[in-house]
Amino acid sequence: MFPEGQIYLNFPQPISSFGKHFLVFIRTLVGWLFIFLVLTIAIVAVGALIIYLYFSPDITSRESIMNHKDTGVVLLDRYEKPFFTFYDGKNKVFVPLSGIPQHTKDAVVAVEDKNFYSHPGFSVKSMLRAAFNNLLEGGLKYGGSTITQQLAKNAFLSPNKDFLRKYKELVVAREIEKNFPKDEILEMYLNSVYWGRWAFGIEQASQMYFGKSSRDLTLNESAFLAGILPAPSKYYLSSGGLAFAQKRQKLVLEKMLEQGYITASEKQKAEAEELHFKQTENDLNYTAPHFALYVKDQLVKMYGEEAVARSGLKVRTTIDLDWQKYAEEVVEQQVRLLALERVSNGAVVVINPQTGEIMAMVGSGDWQDAEFGKFNAALAPRQPGSGFKPIVYAAAFEDRALDTAQSFGITTLDDPSRFGLSLVLGAGEVSLLELTNAYSVFANSGARNDITSILRIEDKYGETLYTHKQGNPWQIIEPESAFLISSILSDNGSRKEDIWHHA
């Protein structure tokens, strides 16, 4: 109780100097944090806009997304079967999603991105889990990428693991999700992702590992492919990799069961199924190497080497691989049979007389031979000997055989002063390729076509850059003369005194 008649007022104590400075510090800190937050949001927004503007022309096109990074050249035979690549060319065969077994699609989704059909292109939960694991291990080993993010990375970004690339990945993935439905995103992913052993896309992977079309993949095979997908070289191609891959395969089947894609009995049946791998290695880059190099030289002349290396071209050539295989077997056999007569190499060129298209080219008896294998004897000028006589006979009513030889497409006899009467004995150097095309004149009623090795060229987006158009052949000699020469060449009796009688 206060004494009566007295009033006491309780004034707050003045703030100390330290308190004043502390409040100023807090206000300043909050202000700077606010500015930092605004600037961060602005930078993120501007960065997203820049990334979008940079990639937007390609994000709206399926072909661009699947083929944007393609480089090099893939050579196809006349029936569009790939047989050779240059500059890391990628051979991909597109399969619509409807042509891929459901259990194959389910296996990939189950192990790679179980929430694929519900997330907006990225998974916050997966990213937080990956960040936590990275903090524990002190690196950037884990990425937490969804299928859409993987597609974005594979299509447009580098494999480097850093925060900037991850940010780009998020932005591009989100834009892909805006432009395409989920099934189309999965379709693009399955047709472009790398499965190891130079297999890009599900069709090539199925052919490479199991020697079958992707539409025929079993549940067990699908689980195997889905299992090795994150790191094929680690899960399959490394030493002892098959056992490791089979563990991954069982993991995929377990996840499919957990997520309701398969039943316990289907899982059990799949695990009991024995996998039968394709035994033969990929023959890509082993078939027709001399012809492939010849075509590459043609491409370089057309576009320049750097442009070809960066192009992602698909080139349909004239070669028939069945004919090529037979020609290679014949050359190898003949070189072996004639080894005692000091024959160490051989070559073959097969040309369609009606079109000038090269159907087969063998440049040596054995590509692996260290001394002669890489040398293309089909292109090297050599003295043809009696092989030149049909052209001489065809020129019997002409003033000079040299002019007739040039009209037959032989370009190496361009200096008349180098040759005398010995020319009729085959002393002038001629390549087997040009001599073969010259002989095609006799089989084509005296008409000559230009030599052709390329039928069509497409860029990596499927746009046609070049299509061979068959021109009108040149009439070099009269059909009657061509018939007579062909008759002589086909009659061993008519040339029994000549060295050709072994032909």
Protein backbone atom coordinates (compact mmCIF):
# COMPACT_ATOMS: atom_id res chain seq x y z
CA MET A 1 0.00 0.00 0.00
CA PHE A 2 1.11 3.48 -0.86
CA PRO A 3 0.74 6.27 1.72
CA GLU A 4 -2.50 8.21 1.24
CA GLY A 5 -2.24 11.24 -0.97
CA GLN A 6 0.92 10.13 -2.79
CA ILE A 7 1.06 9.10 -6.42
CA TYR A 8 3.87 6.93 -7.82
CA LEU A 9 4.50 6.69 -11.60
CA ASN A 10 6.44 3.71 -13.05
CA PHE A 11 8.43 4.97 -16.08
CA PRO A 12 10.29 2.42 -18.28
CA GLN A 13 13.99 2.31 -17.81
CA PRO A 14 15.91 3.95 -20.65
CA ILE A 15 17.36 1.47 -23.21
CA SER A 16 21.02 0.96 -22.79
CA SER A 17 23.49 1.83 -25.54
CA PHE A 18 24.11 -1.86 -26.21
CA GLY A 19 20.39 -2.52 -26.66
CA LYS A 20 20.07 0.33 -29.13
CA HIS A 21 22.93 -1.01 -31.24
CA PHE A 22 21.52 -4.52 -31.11
CA LEU A 23 18.12 -3.36 -32.40
CA VAL A 24 19.78 -1.44 -35.20
CA PHE A 25 21.80 -4.57 -36.10
CA ILE A 26 18.67 -6.73 -36.19
CA ARG A 27 16.79 -4.24 -38.35
CA THR A 28 19.78 -3.97 -40.74
CA LEU A 29 20.17 -7.75 -40.90
CA VAL A 30 16.47 -8.25 -41.67
CA GLY A 31 16.70 -5.57 -44.33
CA TRP A 32 19.69 -7.17 -46.00
CA LEU A 33 18.11 -10.61 -45.80
CA PHE A 34 15.01 -9.21 -47.46
CA ILE A 35 17.10 -7.61 -50.21
CA PHE A 36 19.05 -10.86 -50.63
CA LEU A 37 15.81 -12.82 -50.88
CA VAL A 38 14.38 -10.43 -53.48
CA LEU A 39 17.60 -10.50 -55.50
CA THR A 40 17.73 -14.31 -55.32
CA ILE A 41 14.16 -14.62 -56.53
CA ALA A 42 14.89 -12.12 -59.30
CA ILE A 43 18.07 -13.94 -60.36
CA VAL A 44 16.28 -17.30 -60.32
CA ALA A 45 13.41 -15.85 -62.36
CA VAL A 46 15.72 -14.15 -64.88
CA GLY A 47 17.88 -17.27 -65.08
CA ALA A 48 14.83 -19.41 -65.76
CA LEU A 49 13.74 -16.99 -68.47
CA ILE A 50 17.17 -17.04 -70.12
CA ILE A 51 17.31 -20.83 -70.01
CA TYR A 52 13.81 -21.03 -71.43
CA LEU A 53 14.57 -18.61 -74.26
CA TYR A 54 17.76 -20.50 -75.10
CA PHE A 55 16.18 -23.95 -75.24
CA SER A 56 12.61 -23.05 -76.23
CA PRO A 57 13.05 -23.65 -80.00
CA ASP A 58 14.01 -27.26 -79.27
CA ILE A 59 11.80 -28.02 -76.27
CA THR A 60 8.63 -27.94 -78.37
CA SER A 61 9.85 -30.54 -80.89
CA ARG A 62 9.96 -34.27 -80.17
CA GLU A 63 12.64 -34.79 -82.81
CA SER A 64 14.80 -32.05 -81.34
CA ILE A 65 14.53 -33.45 -77.84
CA MET A 66 15.45 -36.98 -78.91
CA ASN A 67 18.14 -36.04 -81.43
CA HIS A 68 19.53 -32.68 -80.26
CA LYS A 69 22.85 -34.12 -79.10
CA ASP A 70 23.38 -36.51 -81.98
CA THR A 71 26.70 -36.12 -83.73
CA GLY A 72 28.70 -37.98 -86.33
CA VAL A 73 27.43 -40.23 -89.10
CA VAL A 74 25.51 -43.49 -89.29
CA LEU A 75 25.81 -45.40 -92.56
CA LEU A 76 22.91 -47.60 -93.66
CA ASP A 77 22.87 -50.20 -96.41
CA ARG A 78 20.41 -49.92 -99.30
CA TYR A 79 17.77 -51.63 -97.15
CA GLU A 80 18.40 -49.18 -94.27
CA LYS A 81 20.29 -51.55 -92.00
CA PRO A 82 23.08 -49.75 -90.09
CA PHE A 83 26.57 -51.09 -90.64
CA PHE A 84 29.08 -48.33 -89.84
CA THR A 85 29.42 -45.15 -87.78
CA PHE A 86 31.90 -42.28 -87.68
CA TYR A 87 32.54 -39.52 -85.13
CA ASP A 88 30.41 -41.23 -82.44
CA GLY A 89 27.38 -41.51 -84.68
CA LYS A 90 24.32 -42.91 -82.89
CA ASN A 91 21.99 -45.39 -84.48
CA LYS A 92 18.51 -45.11 -82.97
CA VAL A 93 15.37 -46.87 -84.12
CA PHE A 94 12.15 -45.19 -83.02
CA VAL A 95 9.43 -47.42 -81.56
CA PRO A 96 6.03 -45.93 -80.65
CA LEU A 97 4.98 -46.39 -77.05
CA SER A 98 2.15 -48.65 -78.20
CA GLY A 99 4.76 -51.02 -79.66
CA ILE A 100 6.63 -51.41 -76.37
CA PRO A 101 5.37 -54.10 -73.95
CA GLN A 102 3.54 -52.73 -70.93
CA HIS A 103 5.81 -54.62 -68.53
CA THR A 104 8.84 -52.94 -70.14
CA LYS A 105 7.37 -49.48 -69.53
CA ASP A 106 6.32 -50.47 -66.00
CA ALA A 107 9.79 -51.83 -65.17
CA VAL A 108 11.49 -48.57 -66.16
CA VAL A 109 8.99 -46.39 -64.29
CA ALA A 110 9.11 -48.60 -61.18
CA VAL A 111 12.87 -48.38 -60.76
CA GLU A 112 13.62 -44.98 -62.26
CA ASP A 113 10.70 -42.76 -61.24
CA LYS A 114 7.79 -44.36 -59.39
CA ASN A 115 5.88 -41.06 -59.15
CA PHE A 116 6.38 -40.26 -62.83
CA TYR A 117 2.68 -39.92 -63.62
CA SER A 118 1.96 -37.61 -60.67
CA HIS A 119 4.89 -35.16 -60.31
CA PRO A 120 5.28 -31.90 -62.31
CA GLY A 121 8.59 -32.90 -63.84
CA PHE A 122 10.64 -32.98 -60.65
CA SER A 123 10.31 -34.54 -57.22
CA VAL A 124 11.02 -32.33 -54.20
CA LYS A 125 11.19 -35.40 -51.95
CA SER A 126 13.77 -37.10 -54.18
CA MET A 127 15.83 -33.91 -54.44
CA LEU A 128 15.87 -33.43 -50.65
CA ARG A 129 16.84 -37.07 -50.15
CA ALA A 130 19.64 -36.70 -52.72
CA ALA A 131 20.85 -33.48 -51.06
CA PHE A 132 20.93 -35.16 -47.65
CA ASN A 133 22.92 -38.11 -49.02
CA ASN A 134 25.32 -35.75 -50.77
CA LEU A 135 25.93 -33.91 -47.49
CA LEU A 136 26.63 -37.19 -45.74
CA GLU A 137 29.12 -38.32 -48.40
CA GLY A 138 30.57 -34.91 -49.16
CA GLY A 139 29.97 -34.73 -52.89
CA LEU A 140 27.38 -34.60 -55.67
CA LYS A 141 26.98 -38.32 -56.24
CA TYR A 142 23.17 -38.34 -55.98
CA GLY A 143 20.89 -36.35 -58.24
CA GLY A 144 17.32 -37.34 -57.49
CA SER A 145 16.38 -36.88 -61.14
CA THR A 146 13.01 -37.89 -62.51
CA ILE A 147 12.54 -39.45 -65.95
CA THR A 148 11.70 -36.00 -67.31
CA GLN A 149 14.85 -34.51 -65.79
CA GLN A 150 16.93 -37.34 -67.24
CA LEU A 151 15.39 -36.68 -70.65
CA ALA A 152 16.22 -32.97 -70.32
CA LYS A 153 19.79 -33.72 -69.28
CA ASN A 154 20.36 -36.33 -71.99
CA ALA A 155 18.92 -34.09 -74.67
CA PHE A 156 20.39 -30.68 -73.90
CA LEU A 157 22.85 -30.59 -71.02
CA SER A 158 26.32 -31.77 -70.14
CA PRO A 159 26.91 -34.75 -67.82
CA ASN A 160 28.75 -32.53 -65.33
CA LYS A 161 27.39 -32.74 -61.80
CA ASP A 162 27.04 -29.20 -60.47
CA PHE A 163 24.30 -26.94 -59.14
CA LEU A 164 24.05 -24.82 -62.30
CA ARG A 165 23.42 -27.88 -64.47
CA LYS A 166 20.86 -29.11 -61.96
CA TYR A 167 19.06 -25.79 -62.12
CA LYS A 168 18.99 -25.88 -65.92
CA GLU A 169 17.73 -29.44 -65.72
CA LEU A 170 14.81 -28.39 -63.52
CA VAL A 171 13.80 -25.52 -65.80
CA VAL A 172 14.00 -27.57 -69.01
CA ALA A 173 12.20 -30.52 -67.40
CA ARG A 174 9.37 -28.25 -66.30
CA GLU A 175 9.01 -26.86 -69.81
CA ILE A 176 8.97 -30.35 -71.30
CA GLU A 177 6.17 -31.27 -68.92
CA LYS A 178 4.21 -28.22 -70.08
CA ASN A 179 4.57 -29.15 -73.74
CA PHE A 180 4.04 -32.91 -73.74
CA PRO A 181 1.76 -35.44 -72.02
CA LYS A 182 3.38 -38.03 -69.78
CA ASP A 183 3.14 -40.89 -72.27
CA GLU A 184 4.98 -38.88 -74.93
CA ILE A 185 7.71 -37.99 -72.43
CA LEU A 186 8.14 -41.68 -71.57
CA GLU A 187 8.15 -42.55 -75.28
CA MET A 188 10.91 -40.01 -75.98
CA TYR A 189 12.91 -41.24 -73.01
CA LEU A 190 12.71 -44.92 -73.95
CA ASN A 191 13.70 -44.16 -77.54
CA SER A 192 16.76 -42.05 -76.74
CA VAL A 193 18.29 -43.18 -73.45
CA TYR A 194 21.66 -44.95 -73.52
CA TRP A 195 21.68 -48.64 -72.55
CA GLY A 196 25.36 -49.44 -72.99
CA ARG A 197 27.16 -51.29 -75.79
CA TRP A 198 26.45 -48.38 -78.18
CA ALA A 199 22.72 -49.01 -77.90
CA PHE A 200 20.54 -45.90 -77.85
CA GLY A 201 16.85 -46.52 -77.28
CA ILE A 202 14.88 -49.60 -76.31
CA GLU A 203 14.89 -51.21 -79.76
CA GLN A 204 18.67 -51.14 -80.12
CA ALA A 205 19.09 -52.31 -76.51
CA SER A 206 16.77 -55.26 -77.11
CA GLN A 207 18.61 -56.22 -80.28
CA MET A 208 22.03 -55.76 -78.69
CA TYR A 209 21.45 -57.79 -75.53
CA PHE A 210 18.86 -60.36 -76.61
CA GLY A 211 18.86 -60.34 -80.42
CA LYS A 212 15.13 -59.64 -80.64
CA SER A 213 12.69 -56.84 -81.29
CA SER A 214 11.65 -54.77 -78.26
CA ARG A 215 8.01 -55.76 -78.80
CA ASP A 216 8.99 -59.35 -77.88
CA LEU A 217 10.74 -58.57 -74.58
CA THR A 218 9.64 -60.73 -71.67
CA LEU A 219 9.06 -59.44 -68.15
CA ASN A 220 12.39 -60.88 -67.03
CA GLU A 221 14.29 -59.30 -69.93
CA SER A 222 12.55 -55.98 -69.33
CA ALA A 223 13.55 -56.05 -65.67
CA PHE A 224 17.14 -56.76 -66.67
CA LEU A 225 17.29 -53.80 -69.07
CA ALA A 226 15.61 -51.48 -66.57
CA GLY A 227 18.06 -52.61 -63.91
CA ILE A 228 21.22 -51.73 -65.84
CA LEU A 229 19.79 -48.45 -67.19
CA PRO A 230 21.29 -46.07 -64.57
CA ALA A 231 24.88 -47.21 -65.26
CA PRO A 232 25.31 -49.94 -67.91
CA SER A 233 29.10 -50.02 -67.64
CA LYS A 234 28.87 -50.51 -63.88
CA TYR A 235 25.96 -52.91 -63.72
CA TYR A 236 26.78 -55.13 -66.70
CA LEU A 237 29.92 -54.30 -68.65
CA SER A 238 32.34 -54.28 -65.69
CA SER A 239 34.17 -57.40 -64.52
CA GLY A 240 31.70 -59.69 -62.82
CA GLY A 241 28.98 -57.39 -64.09
CA LEU A 242 26.46 -60.07 -65.03
CA ALA A 243 25.96 -61.15 -61.40
CA PHE A 244 25.64 -57.51 -60.39
CA ALA A 245 23.12 -56.91 -63.19
CA GLN A 246 21.04 -59.88 -62.09
CA LYS A 247 20.85 -58.44 -58.57
CA ARG A 248 19.56 -55.23 -60.08
CA GLN A 249 17.08 -57.26 -62.12
CA LYS A 250 15.65 -58.81 -58.95
CA LEU A 251 15.45 -55.37 -57.38
CA VAL A 252 13.36 -54.16 -60.31
CA LEU A 253 10.99 -57.10 -60.02
CA GLU A 254 10.66 -56.44 -56.28
CA LYS A 255 9.80 -52.79 -56.90
CA MET A 256 7.28 -53.78 -59.57
CA LEU A 257 5.60 -56.06 -57.04
CA GLU A 258 5.60 -53.39 -54.33
CA GLN A 259 4.06 -50.83 -56.69
CA GLY A 260 1.39 -53.20 -57.95
CA TYR A 261 2.63 -53.67 -61.50
CA ILE A 262 2.96 -57.45 -61.17
CA THR A 263 1.70 -60.20 -58.90
CA ALA A 264 3.80 -62.44 -56.69
CA SER A 265 3.30 -65.37 -59.09
CA GLU A 266 4.41 -63.25 -62.08
CA LYS A 267 7.50 -62.20 -60.16
CA GLN A 268 8.29 -65.79 -59.24
CA LYS A 269 7.82 -66.96 -62.83
CA ALA A 270 10.05 -64.18 -64.17
CA GLU A 271 12.84 -64.97 -61.71
CA ALA A 272 12.73 -68.63 -62.75
CA GLU A 273 13.09 -67.73 -66.42
CA GLU A 274 16.61 -68.10 -67.81
CA LEU A 275 17.99 -65.16 -69.74
CA HIS A 276 19.43 -65.93 -73.17
CA PHE A 277 21.87 -63.25 -74.26
CA LYS A 278 22.89 -62.58 -77.82
CA GLN A 279 26.17 -64.39 -78.30
CA THR A 280 27.55 -62.55 -81.31
CA GLU A 281 29.01 -59.12 -80.78
CA ASN A 282 27.67 -56.11 -82.59
CA ASP A 283 29.02 -56.14 -86.16
CA LEU A 284 28.72 -52.38 -86.43
CA ASN A 285 31.98 -50.89 -87.76
CA TYR A 286 33.29 -54.26 -88.92
CA THR A 287 31.34 -54.68 -92.15
CA ALA A 288 32.55 -53.09 -95.41
CA PRO A 289 35.15 -50.80 -93.79
CA HIS A 290 36.78 -49.78 -97.08
CA PHE A 291 33.43 -48.83 -98.59
CA ALA A 292 32.49 -46.94 -95.42
CA LEU A 293 35.69 -44.88 -95.61
CA TYR A 294 35.02 -44.22 -99.29
CA VAL A 295 31.55 -42.88 -98.43
CA LYS A 296 32.95 -40.78 -95.59
CA ASP A 297 35.35 -39.15 -98.04
CA GLN A 298 32.41 -38.34 -100.31
CA LEU A 299 30.58 -36.70 -97.39
CA VAL A 300 33.62 -34.65 -96.42
CA LYS A 301 33.90 -33.38 -100.00
CA MET A 302 30.23 -32.39 -99.91
CA TYR A 303 30.05 -30.70 -96.48
CA GLY A 304 33.52 -30.43 -94.94
CA GLU A 305 34.89 -32.64 -92.18
CA GLU A 306 33.90 -30.52 -89.17
CA ALA A 307 30.33 -30.16 -90.41
CA VAL A 308 30.12 -33.92 -90.97
CA ALA A 309 31.55 -34.69 -87.52
CA ARG A 310 28.98 -32.46 -85.81
CA SER A 311 26.05 -33.37 -88.03
CA GLY A 312 24.30 -36.49 -86.75
CA LEU A 313 23.72 -37.56 -90.36
CA LYS A 314 22.05 -40.79 -91.42
CA VAL A 315 23.27 -41.86 -94.84
CA ARG A 316 21.53 -44.53 -96.88
CA THR A 317 24.19 -46.01 -99.15
CA THR A 318 24.02 -48.25 -102.21
CA ILE A 319 25.68 -51.29 -100.66
CA ASP A 320 23.94 -54.66 -100.35
CA LEU A 321 25.32 -56.31 -97.21
CA ASP A 322 24.53 -59.83 -98.44
CA TRP A 323 26.52 -59.20 -101.61
CA GLN A 324 29.25 -57.56 -99.55
CA LYS A 325 29.56 -60.57 -97.27
CA TYR A 326 29.83 -62.93 -100.24
CA ALA A 327 32.43 -60.70 -101.93
CA GLU A 328 34.54 -60.60 -98.75
CA GLU A 329 34.43 -64.40 -98.49
CA VAL A 330 35.48 -64.80 -102.13
CA VAL A 331 38.43 -62.40 -101.80
CA GLU A 332 39.64 -64.04 -98.61
CA GLN A 333 39.37 -67.48 -100.18
CA GLN A 334 41.16 -66.51 -103.41
CA VAL A 335 44.01 -64.76 -101.63
CA ARG A 336 44.51 -67.84 -99.50
CA LEU A 337 44.44 -70.19 -102.52
CA LEU A 338 46.93 -68.05 -104.46
CA ALA A 339 49.32 -67.52 -101.57
CA LEU A 340 51.81 -70.00 -103.07
CA GLU A 341 51.95 -67.83 -106.19
CA ARG A 342 52.97 -64.86 -104.02
CA VAL A 343 49.54 -63.24 -104.07
CA SER A 344 49.16 -61.34 -100.80
CA ASN A 345 46.10 -59.18 -101.36
CA GLY A 346 42.96 -58.80 -103.44
CA ALA A 347 39.99 -56.57 -104.09
CA VAL A 348 36.47 -56.69 -105.53
CA VAL A 349 34.06 -54.04 -106.80
CA VAL A 350 30.49 -54.86 -107.80
CA ILE A 351 28.50 -52.20 -109.69
CA ASN A 352 24.93 -52.30 -110.97
CA PRO A 353 25.38 -51.55 -114.72
CA GLN A 354 21.91 -50.00 -115.04
CA THR A 355 22.42 -47.46 -112.23
CA GLY A 356 26.13 -47.13 -111.46
CA GLU A 357 25.41 -48.01 -107.82
CA ILE A 358 28.19 -49.75 -105.88
CA MET A 359 26.71 -52.97 -104.54
CA ALA A 360 29.89 -54.27 -102.89
CA MET A 361 33.46 -53.08 -102.34
CA VAL A 362 36.26 -55.13 -100.80
CA GLY A 363 39.56 -53.28 -100.55
CA SER A 364 41.74 -56.03 -99.11
CA GLY A 365 41.78 -59.72 -98.28
CA ASP A 366 41.76 -59.08 -94.53
CA TRP A 367 41.00 -55.73 -92.88
CA GLN A 368 42.88 -56.86 -89.75
CA ASP A 369 46.09 -57.63 -91.64
CA ALA A 370 48.73 -55.27 -90.25
CA GLU A 371 50.58 -54.87 -93.57
CA PHE A 372 47.89 -54.72 -96.26
CA GLY A 373 44.53 -54.75 -94.48
CA LYS A 374 43.82 -51.01 -94.29
CA PHE A 375 45.01 -50.32 -97.83
CA ASN A 376 42.09 -50.02 -100.25
CA ALA A 377 43.28 -51.79 -103.41
CA ALA A 378 39.93 -51.04 -105.08
CA LEU A 379 40.82 -47.33 -105.28
CA ALA A 380 44.55 -47.51 -105.92
CA PRO A 381 45.61 -46.99 -109.58
CA ARG A 382 47.35 -50.08 -110.92
CA GLN A 383 48.31 -51.39 -114.31
CA PRO A 384 45.35 -53.52 -115.41
CA GLY A 385 47.28 -55.54 -118.02
CA SER A 386 44.98 -57.50 -120.28
CA GLY A 387 42.03 -56.21 -118.32
CA PHE A 388 42.32 -53.08 -120.45
CA LYS A 389 41.90 -54.91 -123.77
CA PRO A 390 38.07 -54.76 -123.97
CA ILE A 391 38.32 -50.97 -123.98
CA VAL A 392 40.95 -51.14 -126.71
CA TYR A 393 38.72 -53.41 -128.76
CA ALA A 394 35.80 -51.04 -128.25
CA ALA A 395 37.99 -48.23 -129.59
CA ALA A 396 39.05 -50.15 -132.66
CA PHE A 397 37.14 -47.77 -134.91
CA GLU A 398 38.15 -44.66 -132.97
CA ASP A 399 41.22 -42.50 -133.57
CA ARG A 400 42.74 -42.91 -130.10
CA ALA A 401 42.11 -45.41 -127.31
CA LEU A 402 42.91 -42.78 -124.70
CA ASP A 403 39.87 -40.71 -125.62
CA THR A 404 37.65 -43.79 -125.48
CA ALA A 405 39.03 -44.74 -122.05
CA GLN A 406 38.16 -41.31 -120.70
CA SER A 407 34.66 -41.54 -122.12
CA PHE A 408 34.34 -44.83 -120.22
CA GLY A 409 34.92 -42.88 -116.98
CA ILE A 410 38.62 -43.62 -116.47
CA THR A 411 40.23 -40.46 -115.07
CA THR A 412 43.80 -41.58 -114.38
CA LEU A 413 44.89 -41.66 -118.05
CA ASP A 414 44.95 -37.87 -118.37
CA ASP A 415 48.46 -37.36 -119.75
CA PRO A 416 48.85 -38.75 -123.30
CA SER A 417 52.61 -38.11 -123.25
CA ARG A 418 53.07 -40.80 -120.62
CA PHE A 419 51.71 -43.58 -122.80
CA GLY A 420 52.63 -45.03 -126.13
CA LEU A 421 51.66 -48.31 -127.73
CA SER A 422 52.09 -49.95 -124.32
CA LEU A 423 48.73 -48.47 -123.38
CA VAL A 424 46.94 -51.23 -125.30
CA LEU A 425 48.80 -53.76 -123.17
CA GLY A 426 47.41 -52.22 -120.00
CA ALA A 427 50.49 -50.21 -118.98
CA GLY A 428 48.43 -47.21 -117.84
CA GLU A 429 47.36 -47.11 -114.17
CA VAL A 430 43.63 -47.54 -113.57
CA SER A 431 41.69 -48.07 -110.32
CA LEU A 432 39.58 -51.20 -109.99
CA LEU A 433 36.56 -49.02 -109.19
CA GLU A 434 36.79 -47.08 -112.47
CA LEU A 435 37.69 -50.16 -114.50
CA THR A 436 34.64 -51.98 -113.12
CA ASN A 437 32.41 -49.08 -114.07
CA ALA A 438 33.97 -49.06 -117.52
CA TYR A 439 33.09 -52.74 -117.91
CA SER A 440 29.52 -51.92 -116.88
CA VAL A 441 29.21 -50.05 -120.19
CA PHE A 442 29.34 -53.39 -122.01
CA ALA A 443 26.62 -54.82 -119.76
CA ASN A 444 24.44 -51.74 -120.25
CA SER A 445 24.25 -51.73 -124.06
CA GLY A 446 27.08 -49.23 -124.40
CA ALA A 447 25.71 -46.65 -121.94
CA ARG A 448 27.61 -45.38 -118.88
CA ASN A 449 26.28 -44.15 -115.51
CA ASP A 450 28.19 -42.15 -112.92
CA ILE A 451 29.49 -44.17 -109.99
CA THR A 452 27.12 -43.79 -107.05
CA SER A 453 27.60 -44.72 -103.38
CA ILE A 454 24.98 -42.54 -101.64
CA LEU A 455 21.21 -42.75 -102.12
CA ARG A 456 19.93 -40.40 -99.41
CA ILE A 457 21.23 -38.18 -96.60
CA GLU A 458 19.10 -37.14 -93.63
CA ASP A 459 19.96 -34.79 -90.79
CA LYS A 460 19.46 -35.76 -87.15
CA TYR A 461 15.91 -34.41 -87.20
CA GLY A 462 14.87 -36.63 -90.11
CA GLU A 463 14.95 -33.87 -92.72
CA THR A 464 16.23 -34.99 -96.13
CA LEU A 465 19.34 -33.09 -97.20
CA TYR A 466 20.15 -35.04 -100.34
CA THR A 467 18.47 -37.61 -102.57
CA HIS A 468 20.26 -39.28 -105.44
CA LYS A 469 18.46 -38.74 -108.70
CA GLN A 470 19.23 -41.21 -111.43
CA GLY A 471 20.29 -39.26 -114.49
CA ASN A 472 20.22 -40.34 -118.09
CA PRO A 473 23.22 -42.51 -118.96
CA TRP A 474 25.71 -41.46 -121.66
CA GLN A 475 25.81 -43.59 -124.79
CA ILE A 476 29.54 -44.33 -125.08
CA ILE A 477 29.58 -46.97 -127.80
CA GLU A 478 26.96 -48.51 -130.04
CA PRO A 479 24.83 -51.28 -128.49
CA GLU A 480 26.10 -53.68 -131.17
CA SER A 481 29.72 -53.11 -130.16
CA ALA A 482 28.82 -53.59 -126.49
CA PHE A 483 27.11 -56.86 -127.35
CA LEU A 484 30.16 -58.15 -129.25
CA ILE A 485 32.55 -57.29 -126.41
CA SER A 486 30.22 -58.93 -123.87
CA SER A 487 30.03 -62.02 -126.07
CA ILE A 488 33.81 -62.27 -126.22
CA LEU A 489 34.13 -61.79 -122.46
CA SER A 490 31.61 -64.54 -121.77
CA ASP A 491 33.19 -67.05 -124.17
CA ASN A 492 36.25 -68.79 -122.77
CA GLY A 493 36.92 -70.38 -126.14
CA SER A 494 37.16 -67.03 -127.89
CA ARG A 495 39.91 -65.89 -125.56
CA LYS A 496 41.68 -69.16 -124.83
CA GLU A 497 45.01 -67.75 -125.99
CA ASP A 498 44.65 -64.82 -123.63
CA ILE A 499 45.59 -64.57 -120.00
CA TRP A 500 41.93 -63.89 -119.21
CA HIS A 501 41.00 -67.56 -119.65
CA HIS A 502 41.14 -67.96 -115.86
CA ALA A 503 38.47 -65.28 -115.39
